[in-house]
Amino acid sequence: MSRRCELTGKGVQSGNNVSHANNKTRRRFLPNLNEVTLISDLLGRSVRVRVSAHGLKSVDHNGGLDQYLLKVGDDLLSARMVKLKRQIAKRRDATATAAVAA
């Protein structure tokens, strides 16, 4: 399992530890990833996602998983989240068509 956020694409960064004597050794900055269960309102089911703290904050800011996925571009999302985004868009279009017909 890669150390990459499924919603924002945030991953491992690299840099240096710098000592008092100005010696530099390579190090890794790991993203703050958490396993969370997010609920899709349109699909009516929960989704288990490995997401960064920043990604979780973004989901809350946008009003939930469905709104976040529909707003963000596919290039940031994992393949699993792109598939979920397509399911959500399809369900949203079907409910909008049914509302217009009624």
PDB file of N, CA and C in Angstrom:
ATOM      1  N   MET A   1       0.838  -1.167   0.000  1.00  0.00           N
ATOM      2  CA  MET A   1       0.000   0.000   0.000  1.00  0.00           C
ATOM      3  C   MET A   1       0.893   1.243   0.000  1.00  0.00           C
ATOM      4  N   SER A   2       0.679   2.105  -0.983  1.00  0.00           N
ATOM      5  CA  SER A   2       1.541   3.275  -1.100  1.00  0.00           C
ATOM      6  C   SER A   2       1.156   4.338  -0.077  1.00  0.00           C
ATOM      7  N   ARG A   3       2.107   5.176   0.238  1.00  0.00           N
ATOM      8  CA  ARG A   3       1.861   6.276   1.174  1.00  0.00           C
ATOM      9  C   ARG A   3       1.374   7.487   0.382  1.00  0.00           C
ATOM     10  N   ARG A   4       0.152   7.389  -0.117  1.00  0.00           N
ATOM     11  CA  ARG A   4      -0.421   8.453  -0.928  1.00  0.00           C
ATOM     12  C   ARG A   4      -1.893   8.606  -0.577  1.00  0.00           C
ATOM     13  N   CYS A   5      -2.321   9.850  -0.442  1.00  0.00           N
ATOM     14  CA  CYS A   5      -3.721  10.150  -0.139  1.00  0.00           C
ATOM     15  C   CYS A   5      -4.566   9.832  -1.374  1.00  0.00           C
ATOM     16  N   GLU A   6      -5.686   9.121  -1.173  1.00  0.00           N
ATOM     17  CA  GLU A   6      -6.539   8.740  -2.292  1.00  0.00           C
ATOM     18  C   GLU A   6      -7.368   9.901  -2.827  1.00  0.00           C
ATOM     19  N   LEU A   7      -7.516  10.962  -2.045  1.00  0.00           N
ATOM     20  CA  LEU A   7      -8.345  12.088  -2.459  1.00  0.00           C
ATOM     21  C   LEU A   7      -7.555  13.281  -2.973  1.00  0.00           C
ATOM     22  N   THR A   8      -6.394  13.551  -2.389  1.00  0.00           N
ATOM     23  CA  THR A   8      -5.636  14.737  -2.795  1.00  0.00           C
ATOM     24  C   THR A   8      -4.363  14.406  -3.557  1.00  0.00           C
ATOM     25  N   GLY A   9      -3.917  13.162  -3.516  1.00  0.00           N
ATOM     26  CA  GLY A   9      -2.687  12.787  -4.193  1.00  0.00           C
ATOM     27  C   GLY A   9      -1.440  13.150  -3.419  1.00  0.00           C
ATOM     28  N   LYS A  10      -1.596  13.650  -2.203  1.00  0.00           N
ATOM     29  CA  LYS A  10      -0.451  14.052  -1.388  1.00  0.00           C
ATOM     30  C   LYS A  10       0.369  12.811  -1.055  1.00  0.00           C
ATOM     31  N   GLY A  11       1.687  12.890  -1.247  1.00  0.00           N
ATOM     32  CA  GLY A  11       2.556  11.736  -1.029  1.00  0.00           C
ATOM     33  C   GLY A  11       3.790  12.081  -0.232  1.00  0.00           C
ATOM     34  N   VAL A  12       4.766  11.184  -0.287  1.00  0.00           N
ATOM     35  CA  VAL A  12       6.012  11.354   0.453  1.00  0.00           C
ATOM     36  C   VAL A  12       6.858  12.436  -0.203  1.00  0.00           C
ATOM     37  N   GLN A  13       7.448  13.296   0.620  1.00  0.00           N
ATOM     38  CA  GLN A  13       8.408  14.281   0.142  1.00  0.00           C
ATOM     39  C   GLN A  13       9.752  13.966   0.759  1.00  0.00           C
ATOM     40  N   SER A  14      10.817  14.474   0.157  1.00  0.00           N
ATOM     41  CA  SER A  14      12.145  14.216   0.703  1.00  0.00           C
ATOM     42  C   SER A  14      12.842  15.534   0.994  1.00  0.00           C
ATOM     43  N   GLY A  15      13.809  15.446   1.886  1.00  0.00           N
ATOM     44  CA  GLY A  15      14.559  16.628   2.264  1.00  0.00           C
ATOM     45  C   GLY A  15      15.800  16.228   3.021  1.00  0.00           C
ATOM     46  N   ASN A  16      16.331  17.141   3.816  1.00  0.00           N
ATOM     47  CA  ASN A  16      17.553  16.899   4.563  1.00  0.00           C
ATOM     48  C   ASN A  16      17.346  17.126   6.052  1.00  0.00           C
ATOM     49  N   ASN A  17      17.985  16.294   6.873  1.00  0.00           N
ATOM     50  CA  ASN A  17      18.221  16.629   8.267  1.00  0.00           C
ATOM     51  C   ASN A  17      19.503  17.455   8.267  1.00  0.00           C
ATOM     52  N   VAL A  18      19.491  18.580   8.949  1.00  0.00           N
ATOM     53  CA  VAL A  18      20.678  19.433   9.002  1.00  0.00           C
ATOM     54  C   VAL A  18      21.117  19.529  10.457  1.00  0.00           C
ATOM     55  N   SER A  19      22.323  19.074  10.729  1.00  0.00           N
ATOM     56  CA  SER A  19      22.837  19.105  12.095  1.00  0.00           C
ATOM     57  C   SER A  19      23.388  20.488  12.433  1.00  0.00           C
ATOM     58  N   HIS A  20      23.759  20.641  13.698  1.00  0.00           N
ATOM     59  CA  HIS A  20      24.346  21.902  14.146  1.00  0.00           C
ATOM     60  C   HIS A  20      25.657  22.182  13.398  1.00  0.00           C
ATOM     61  N   ALA A  21      26.366  21.101  13.025  1.00  0.00           N
ATOM     62  CA  ALA A  21      27.618  21.239  12.277  1.00  0.00           C
ATOM     63  C   ALA A  21      27.363  21.360  10.772  1.00  0.00           C
ATOM     64  N   ASN A  22      26.077  21.521  10.392  1.00  0.00           N
ATOM     65  CA  ASN A  22      25.660  21.692   8.999  1.00  0.00           C
ATOM     66  C   ASN A  22      25.897  20.438   8.157  1.00  0.00           C
ATOM     67  N   ASN A  23      25.927  19.252   8.798  1.00  0.00           N
ATOM     68  CA  ASN A  23      25.957  17.996   8.054  1.00  0.00           C
ATOM     69  C   ASN A  23      24.542  17.719   7.552  1.00  0.00           C
ATOM     70  N   LYS A  24      24.460  17.250   6.317  1.00  0.00           N
ATOM     71  CA  LYS A  24      23.142  16.998   5.728  1.00  0.00           C
ATOM     72  C   LYS A  24      22.971  15.508   5.441  1.00  0.00           C
ATOM     73  N   THR A  25      21.905  14.936   5.944  1.00  0.00           N
ATOM     74  CA  THR A  25      21.558  13.549   5.659  1.00  0.00           C
ATOM     75  C   THR A  25      20.125  13.519   5.140  1.00  0.00           C
ATOM     76  N   ARG A  26      19.865  12.646   4.182  1.00  0.00           N
ATOM     77  CA  ARG A  26      18.546  12.586   3.546  1.00  0.00           C
ATOM     78  C   ARG A  26      17.509  12.047   4.521  1.00  0.00           C
ATOM     79  N   ARG A  27      16.286  12.545   4.388  1.00  0.00           N
ATOM     80  CA  ARG A  27      15.179  12.058   5.192  1.00  0.00           C
ATOM     81  C   ARG A  27      13.906  12.120   4.373  1.00  0.00           C
ATOM     82  N   ARG A  28      12.849  11.506   4.905  1.00  0.00           N
ATOM     83  CA  ARG A  28      11.552  11.501   4.223  1.00  0.00           C
ATOM     84  C   ARG A  28      10.508  12.186   5.098  1.00  0.00           C
ATOM     85  N   PHE A  29       9.672  12.999   4.461  1.00  0.00           N
ATOM     86  CA  PHE A  29       8.537  13.610   5.136  1.00  0.00           C
ATOM     87  C   PHE A  29       7.301  12.821   4.711  1.00  0.00           C
ATOM     88  N   LEU A  30       6.698  12.096   5.659  1.00  0.00           N
ATOM     89  CA  LEU A  30       5.549  11.259   5.355  1.00  0.00           C
ATOM     90  C   LEU A  30       4.254  12.038   5.556  1.00  0.00           C
ATOM     91  N   PRO A  31       3.261  11.824   4.691  1.00  0.00           N
ATOM     92  CA  PRO A  31       1.980  12.505   4.869  1.00  0.00           C
ATOM     93  C   PRO A  31       1.223  11.912   6.063  1.00  0.00           C
ATOM     94  N   ASN A  32       0.359  12.708   6.658  1.00  0.00           N
ATOM     95  CA  ASN A  32      -0.432  12.282   7.802  1.00  0.00           C
ATOM     96  C   ASN A  32      -1.659  11.524   7.290  1.00  0.00           C
ATOM     97  N   LEU A  33      -1.493  10.223   7.030  1.00  0.00           N
ATOM     98  CA  LEU A  33      -2.567   9.406   6.453  1.00  0.00           C
ATOM     99  C   LEU A  33      -3.363   8.701   7.538  1.00  0.00           C
ATOM    100  N   ASN A  34      -4.682   8.647   7.325  1.00  0.00           N
ATOM    101  CA  ASN A  34      -5.581   7.965   8.241  1.00  0.00           C
ATOM    102  C   ASN A  34      -6.573   7.134   7.443  1.00  0.00           C
ATOM    103  N   GLU A  35      -6.950   5.982   8.004  1.00  0.00           N
ATOM    104  CA  GLU A  35      -8.014   5.163   7.422  1.00  0.00           C
ATOM    105  C   GLU A  35      -9.333   5.668   7.989  1.00  0.00           C
ATOM    106  N   VAL A  36     -10.189   6.227   7.144  1.00  0.00           N
ATOM    107  CA  VAL A  36     -11.477   6.732   7.598  1.00  0.00           C
ATOM    108  C   VAL A  36     -12.592   6.144   6.740  1.00  0.00           C
ATOM    109  N   THR A  37     -13.789   6.141   7.293  1.00  0.00           N
ATOM    110  CA  THR A  37     -14.966   5.715   6.556  1.00  0.00           C
ATOM    111  C   THR A  37     -15.793   6.946   6.256  1.00  0.00           C
ATOM    112  N   LEU A  38     -15.945   7.249   4.986  1.00  0.00           N
ATOM    113  CA  LEU A  38     -16.737   8.391   4.554  1.00  0.00           C
ATOM    114  C   LEU A  38     -18.039   7.888   3.948  1.00  0.00           C
ATOM    115  N   ILE A  39     -19.104   8.652   4.106  1.00  0.00           N
ATOM    116  CA  ILE A  39     -20.425   8.234   3.645  1.00  0.00           C
ATOM    117  C   ILE A  39     -20.790   9.012   2.387  1.00  0.00           C
ATOM    118  N   SER A  40     -21.195   8.272   1.359  1.00  0.00           N
ATOM    119  CA  SER A  40     -21.684   8.880   0.129  1.00  0.00           C
ATOM    120  C   SER A  40     -23.196   9.006   0.244  1.00  0.00           C
ATOM    121  N   ASP A  41     -23.698  10.251   0.207  1.00  0.00           N
ATOM    122  CA  ASP A  41     -25.132  10.488   0.351  1.00  0.00           C
ATOM    123  C   ASP A  41     -25.910   9.991  -0.871  1.00  0.00           C
ATOM    124  N   LEU A  42     -25.380  10.214  -2.054  1.00  0.00           N
ATOM    125  CA  LEU A  42     -26.088   9.814  -3.268  1.00  0.00           C
ATOM    126  C   LEU A  42     -26.131   8.301  -3.452  1.00  0.00           C
ATOM    127  N   LEU A  43     -25.030   7.628  -3.114  1.00  0.00           N
ATOM    128  CA  LEU A  43     -24.992   6.172  -3.272  1.00  0.00           C
ATOM    129  C   LEU A  43     -25.601   5.455  -2.078  1.00  0.00           C
ATOM    130  N   GLY A  44     -25.677   6.136  -0.946  1.00  0.00           N
ATOM    131  CA  GLY A  44     -26.272   5.538   0.244  1.00  0.00           C
ATOM    132  C   GLY A  44     -25.420   4.452   0.866  1.00  0.00           C
ATOM    133  N   ARG A  45     -24.115   4.587   0.772  1.00  0.00           N
ATOM    134  CA  ARG A  45     -23.226   3.595   1.373  1.00  0.00           C
ATOM    135  C   ARG A  45     -21.956   4.270   1.869  1.00  0.00           C
ATOM    136  N   SER A  46     -21.231   3.540   2.692  1.00  0.00           N
ATOM    137  CA  SER A  46     -19.989   4.080   3.235  1.00  0.00           C
ATOM    138  C   SER A  46     -18.805   3.559   2.424  1.00  0.00           C
ATOM    139  N   VAL A  47     -17.736   4.339   2.421  1.00  0.00           N
ATOM    140  CA  VAL A  47     -16.535   4.015   1.652  1.00  0.00           C
ATOM    141  C   VAL A  47     -15.334   4.145   2.571  1.00  0.00           C
ATOM    142  N   ARG A  48     -14.503   3.117   2.630  1.00  0.00           N
ATOM    143  CA  ARG A  48     -13.289   3.148   3.437  1.00  0.00           C
ATOM    144  C   ARG A  48     -12.172   3.747   2.586  1.00  0.00           C
ATOM    145  N   VAL A  49     -11.539   4.820   3.093  1.00  0.00           N
ATOM    146  CA  VAL A  49     -10.568   5.576   2.303  1.00  0.00           C
ATOM    147  C   VAL A  49      -9.331   5.837   3.149  1.00  0.00           C
ATOM    148  N   ARG A  50      -8.165   5.781   2.523  1.00  0.00           N
ATOM    149  CA  ARG A  50      -6.916   6.180   3.168  1.00  0.00           C
ATOM    150  C   ARG A  50      -6.637   7.614   2.736  1.00  0.00           C
ATOM    151  N   VAL A  51      -6.850   8.540   3.656  1.00  0.00           N
ATOM    152  CA  VAL A  51      -6.849   9.956   3.305  1.00  0.00           C
ATOM    153  C   VAL A  51      -5.965  10.732   4.275  1.00  0.00           C
ATOM    154  N   SER A  52      -5.355  11.810   3.774  1.00  0.00           N
ATOM    155  CA  SER A  52      -4.531  12.670   4.622  1.00  0.00           C
ATOM    156  C   SER A  52      -5.438  13.566   5.456  1.00  0.00           C
ATOM    157  N   ALA A  53      -4.881  14.140   6.502  1.00  0.00           N
ATOM    158  CA  ALA A  53      -5.634  15.061   7.345  1.00  0.00           C
ATOM    159  C   ALA A  53      -6.086  16.265   6.528  1.00  0.00           C
ATOM    160  N   HIS A  54      -5.243  16.735   5.621  1.00  0.00           N
ATOM    161  CA  HIS A  54      -5.595  17.846   4.738  1.00  0.00           C
ATOM    162  C   HIS A  54      -6.760  17.460   3.817  1.00  0.00           C
ATOM    163  N   GLY A  55      -6.738  16.233   3.298  1.00  0.00           N
ATOM    164  CA  GLY A  55      -7.822  15.763   2.436  1.00  0.00           C
ATOM    165  C   GLY A  55      -9.138  15.659   3.179  1.00  0.00           C
ATOM    166  N   LEU A  56      -9.087  15.218   4.415  1.00  0.00           N
ATOM    167  CA  LEU A  56     -10.289  15.110   5.237  1.00  0.00           C
ATOM    168  C   LEU A  56     -10.877  16.491   5.502  1.00  0.00           C
ATOM    169  N   LYS A  57     -10.006  17.453   5.746  1.00  0.00           N
ATOM    170  CA  LYS A  57     -10.448  18.837   5.952  1.00  0.00           C
ATOM    171  C   LYS A  57     -11.086  19.385   4.674  1.00  0.00           C
ATOM    172  N   SER A  58     -10.546  19.044   3.528  1.00  0.00           N
ATOM    173  CA  SER A  58     -11.092  19.496   2.250  1.00  0.00           C
ATOM    174  C   SER A  58     -12.472  18.904   1.999  1.00  0.00           C
ATOM    175  N   VAL A  59     -12.663  17.638   2.363  1.00  0.00           N
ATOM    176  CA  VAL A  59     -13.964  16.992   2.203  1.00  0.00           C
ATOM    177  C   VAL A  59     -14.997  17.697   3.078  1.00  0.00           C
ATOM    178  N   ASP A  60     -14.646  17.982   4.312  1.00  0.00           N
ATOM    179  CA  ASP A  60     -15.562  18.686   5.208  1.00  0.00           C
ATOM    180  C   ASP A  60     -15.877  20.088   4.687  1.00  0.00           C
ATOM    181  N   HIS A  61     -14.884  20.768   4.172  1.00  0.00           N
ATOM    182  CA  HIS A  61     -15.067  22.131   3.674  1.00  0.00           C
ATOM    183  C   HIS A  61     -16.018  22.174   2.476  1.00  0.00           C
ATOM    184  N   ASN A  62     -15.982  21.151   1.637  1.00  0.00           N
ATOM    185  CA  ASN A  62     -16.816  21.116   0.434  1.00  0.00           C
ATOM    186  C   ASN A  62     -18.203  20.534   0.675  1.00  0.00           C
ATOM    187  N   GLY A  63     -18.484  20.103   1.884  1.00  0.00           N
ATOM    188  CA  GLY A  63     -19.833  19.635   2.184  1.00  0.00           C
ATOM    189  C   GLY A  63     -20.033  18.145   2.055  1.00  0.00           C
ATOM    190  N   GLY A  64     -18.989  17.368   2.070  1.00  0.00           N
ATOM    191  CA  GLY A  64     -19.125  15.916   2.027  1.00  0.00           C
ATOM    192  C   GLY A  64     -18.357  15.294   0.874  1.00  0.00           C
ATOM    193  N   LEU A  65     -18.332  13.964   0.895  1.00  0.00           N
ATOM    194  CA  LEU A  65     -17.561  13.206  -0.091  1.00  0.00           C
ATOM    195  C   LEU A  65     -18.076  13.425  -1.508  1.00  0.00           C
ATOM    196  N   ASP A  66     -19.398  13.395  -1.691  1.00  0.00           N
ATOM    197  CA  ASP A  66     -19.964  13.519  -3.035  1.00  0.00           C
ATOM    198  C   ASP A  66     -19.604  14.857  -3.678  1.00  0.00           C
ATOM    199  N   GLN A  67     -19.784  15.936  -2.942  1.00  0.00           N
ATOM    200  CA  GLN A  67     -19.490  17.255  -3.488  1.00  0.00           C
ATOM    201  C   GLN A  67     -17.999  17.425  -3.762  1.00  0.00           C
ATOM    202  N   TYR A  68     -17.151  16.878  -2.885  1.00  0.00           N
ATOM    203  CA  TYR A  68     -15.706  16.990  -3.094  1.00  0.00           C
ATOM    204  C   TYR A  68     -15.277  16.256  -4.356  1.00  0.00           C
ATOM    205  N   LEU A  69     -15.752  15.022  -4.520  1.00  0.00           N
ATOM    206  CA  LEU A  69     -15.347  14.235  -5.688  1.00  0.00           C
ATOM    207  C   LEU A  69     -15.829  14.869  -6.986  1.00  0.00           C
ATOM    208  N   LEU A  70     -17.035  15.428  -6.977  1.00  0.00           N
ATOM    209  CA  LEU A  70     -17.550  16.043  -8.206  1.00  0.00           C
ATOM    210  C   LEU A  70     -16.801  17.326  -8.550  1.00  0.00           C
ATOM    211  N   LYS A  71     -16.222  17.975  -7.551  1.00  0.00           N
ATOM    212  CA  LYS A  71     -15.524  19.240  -7.781  1.00  0.00           C
ATOM    213  C   LYS A  71     -14.075  19.058  -8.225  1.00  0.00           C
ATOM    214  N   VAL A  72     -13.378  18.060  -7.663  1.00  0.00           N
ATOM    215  CA  VAL A  72     -11.937  17.905  -7.885  1.00  0.00           C
ATOM    216  C   VAL A  72     -11.675  17.182  -9.213  1.00  0.00           C
ATOM    217  N   GLY A  73     -10.511  17.447  -9.811  1.00  0.00           N
ATOM    218  CA  GLY A  73     -10.134  16.817 -11.072  1.00  0.00           C
ATOM    219  C   GLY A  73      -9.687  15.374 -10.887  1.00  0.00           C
ATOM    220  N   ASP A  74      -9.793  14.595 -11.942  1.00  0.00           N
ATOM    221  CA  ASP A  74      -9.447  13.173 -11.888  1.00  0.00           C
ATOM    222  C   ASP A  74      -7.959  12.924 -11.693  1.00  0.00           C
ATOM    223  N   ASP A  75      -7.104  13.884 -12.056  1.00  0.00           N
ATOM    224  CA  ASP A  75      -5.661  13.670 -11.977  1.00  0.00           C
ATOM    225  C   ASP A  75      -5.165  13.559 -10.536  1.00  0.00           C
ATOM    226  N   LEU A  76      -5.888  14.116  -9.568  1.00  0.00           N
ATOM    227  CA  LEU A  76      -5.483  14.024  -8.167  1.00  0.00           C
ATOM    228  C   LEU A  76      -5.970  12.734  -7.498  1.00  0.00           C
ATOM    229  N   LEU A  77      -7.046  12.165  -8.007  1.00  0.00           N
ATOM    230  CA  LEU A  77      -7.697  11.032  -7.357  1.00  0.00           C
ATOM    231  C   LEU A  77      -7.037   9.709  -7.719  1.00  0.00           C
ATOM    232  N   SER A  78      -7.172   8.729  -6.811  1.00  0.00           N
ATOM    233  CA  SER A  78      -6.721   7.376  -7.109  1.00  0.00           C
ATOM    234  C   SER A  78      -7.724   6.732  -8.075  1.00  0.00           C
ATOM    235  N   ALA A  79      -7.350   5.614  -8.661  1.00  0.00           N
ATOM    236  CA  ALA A  79      -8.221   4.934  -9.630  1.00  0.00           C
ATOM    237  C   ALA A  79      -9.537   4.521  -8.978  1.00  0.00           C
ATOM    238  N   ARG A  80      -9.463   4.097  -7.736  1.00  0.00           N
ATOM    239  CA  ARG A  80     -10.668   3.689  -7.006  1.00  0.00           C
ATOM    240  C   ARG A  80     -11.619   4.868  -6.791  1.00  0.00           C
ATOM    241  N   MET A  81     -11.055   6.041  -6.506  1.00  0.00           N
ATOM    242  CA  MET A  81     -11.885   7.225  -6.272  1.00  0.00           C
ATOM    243  C   MET A  81     -12.460   7.770  -7.584  1.00  0.00           C
ATOM    244  N   VAL A  82     -11.742   7.611  -8.699  1.00  0.00           N
ATOM    245  CA  VAL A  82     -12.270   8.027  -9.995  1.00  0.00           C
ATOM    246  C   VAL A  82     -13.483   7.170 -10.343  1.00  0.00           C
ATOM    247  N   LYS A  83     -13.405   5.885 -10.064  1.00  0.00           N
ATOM    248  CA  LYS A  83     -14.528   4.976 -10.312  1.00  0.00           C
ATOM    249  C   LYS A  83     -15.727   5.369  -9.453  1.00  0.00           C
ATOM    250  N   LEU A  84     -15.482   5.690  -8.193  1.00  0.00           N
ATOM    251  CA  LEU A  84     -16.548   6.124  -7.291  1.00  0.00           C
ATOM    252  C   LEU A  84     -17.152   7.449  -7.764  1.00  0.00           C
ATOM    253  N   LYS A  85     -16.300   8.341  -8.253  1.00  0.00           N
ATOM    254  CA  LYS A  85     -16.773   9.630  -8.765  1.00  0.00           C
ATOM    255  C   LYS A  85     -17.720   9.433  -9.941  1.00  0.00           C
ATOM    256  N   ARG A  86     -17.402   8.513 -10.823  1.00  0.00           N
ATOM    257  CA  ARG A  86     -18.266   8.237 -11.979  1.00  0.00           C
ATOM    258  C   ARG A  86     -19.607   7.673 -11.540  1.00  0.00           C
ATOM    259  N   GLN A  87     -19.600   6.799 -10.521  1.00  0.00           N
ATOM    260  CA  GLN A  87     -20.852   6.248  -9.996  1.00  0.00           C
ATOM    261  C   GLN A  87     -21.715   7.349  -9.393  1.00  0.00           C
ATOM    262  N   ILE A  88     -21.085   8.262  -8.659  1.00  0.00           N
ATOM    263  CA  ILE A  88     -21.814   9.365  -8.039  1.00  0.00           C
ATOM    264  C   ILE A  88     -22.402  10.293  -9.104  1.00  0.00           C
ATOM    265  N   ALA A  89     -21.620  10.614 -10.134  1.00  0.00           N
ATOM    266  CA  ALA A  89     -22.101  11.488 -11.206  1.00  0.00           C
ATOM    267  C   ALA A  89     -23.265  10.844 -11.949  1.00  0.00           C
ATOM    268  N   LYS A  90     -23.171   9.546 -12.171  1.00  0.00           N
ATOM    269  CA  LYS A  90     -24.240   8.823 -12.868  1.00  0.00           C
ATOM    270  C   LYS A  90     -25.524   8.842 -12.045  1.00  0.00           C
ATOM    271  N   ARG A  91     -25.395   8.615 -10.740  1.00  0.00           N
ATOM    272  CA  ARG A  91     -26.565   8.627  -9.858  1.00  0.00           C
ATOM    273  C   ARG A  91     -27.166  10.030  -9.770  1.00  0.00           C
ATOM    274  N   ARG A  92     -26.300  11.067  -9.728  1.00  0.00           N
ATOM    275  CA  ARG A  92     -26.783  12.452  -9.652  1.00  0.00           C
ATOM    276  C   ARG A  92     -27.562  12.807 -10.920  1.00  0.00           C
ATOM    277  N   ASP A  93     -27.046  12.393 -12.078  1.00  0.00           N
ATOM    278  CA  ASP A  93     -27.730  12.678 -13.333  1.00  0.00           C
ATOM    279  C   ASP A  93     -29.062  11.944 -13.418  1.00  0.00           C
ATOM    280  N   ALA A  94     -29.100  10.717 -12.910  1.00  0.00           N
ATOM    281  CA  ALA A  94     -30.346   9.933 -12.947  1.00  0.00           C
ATOM    282  C   ALA A  94     -31.407  10.564 -12.048  1.00  0.00           C
ATOM    283  N   THR A  95     -31.017  11.050 -10.874  1.00  0.00           N
ATOM    284  CA  THR A  95     -31.986  11.677  -9.978  1.00  0.00           C
ATOM    285  C   THR A  95     -32.435  13.032 -10.517  1.00  0.00           C
ATOM    286  N   ALA A  96     -31.544  13.748 -11.187  1.00  0.00           N
ATOM    287  CA  ALA A  96     -31.925  15.028 -11.781  1.00  0.00           C
ATOM    288  C   ALA A  96     -32.908  14.831 -12.931  1.00  0.00           C
ATOM    289  N   THR A  97     -32.699  13.793 -13.734  1.00  0.00           N
ATOM    290  CA  THR A  97     -33.600  13.488 -14.851  1.00  0.00           C
ATOM    291  C   THR A  97     -34.975  13.071 -14.331  1.00  0.00           C
ATOM    292  N   ALA A  98     -34.985  12.273 -13.259  1.00  0.00           N
ATOM    293  CA  ALA A  98     -36.248  11.825 -12.667  1.00  0.00           C
ATOM    294  C   ALA A  98     -37.010  13.001 -12.063  1.00  0.00           C
ATOM    295  N   ALA A  99     -36.294  13.963 -11.489  1.00  0.00           N
ATOM    296  CA  ALA A  99     -36.946  15.133 -10.898  1.00  0.00           C
ATOM    297  C   ALA A  99     -37.562  16.023 -11.966  1.00  0.00           C
ATOM    298  N   VAL A 100     -36.902  16.136 -13.115  1.00  0.00           N
ATOM    299  CA  VAL A 100     -37.426  16.959 -14.204  1.00  0.00           C
ATOM    300  C   VAL A 100     -38.643  16.297 -14.830  1.00  0.00           C
ATOM    301  N   ALA A 101     -38.616  14.971 -14.950  1.00  0.00           N
ATOM    302  CA  ALA A 101     -39.722  14.241 -15.563  1.00  0.00           C
ATOM    303  C   ALA A 101     -40.982  14.257 -14.686  1.00  0.00           C
ATOM    304  N   ALA A 102     -40.780  14.355 -13.386  1.00  0.00           N
ATOM    305  CA  ALA A 102     -41.939  14.319 -12.477  1.00  0.00           C
ATOM    306  C   ALA A 102     -42.629  15.627 -12.328  1.00  0.00           C
TER     307      ALA A 102
END
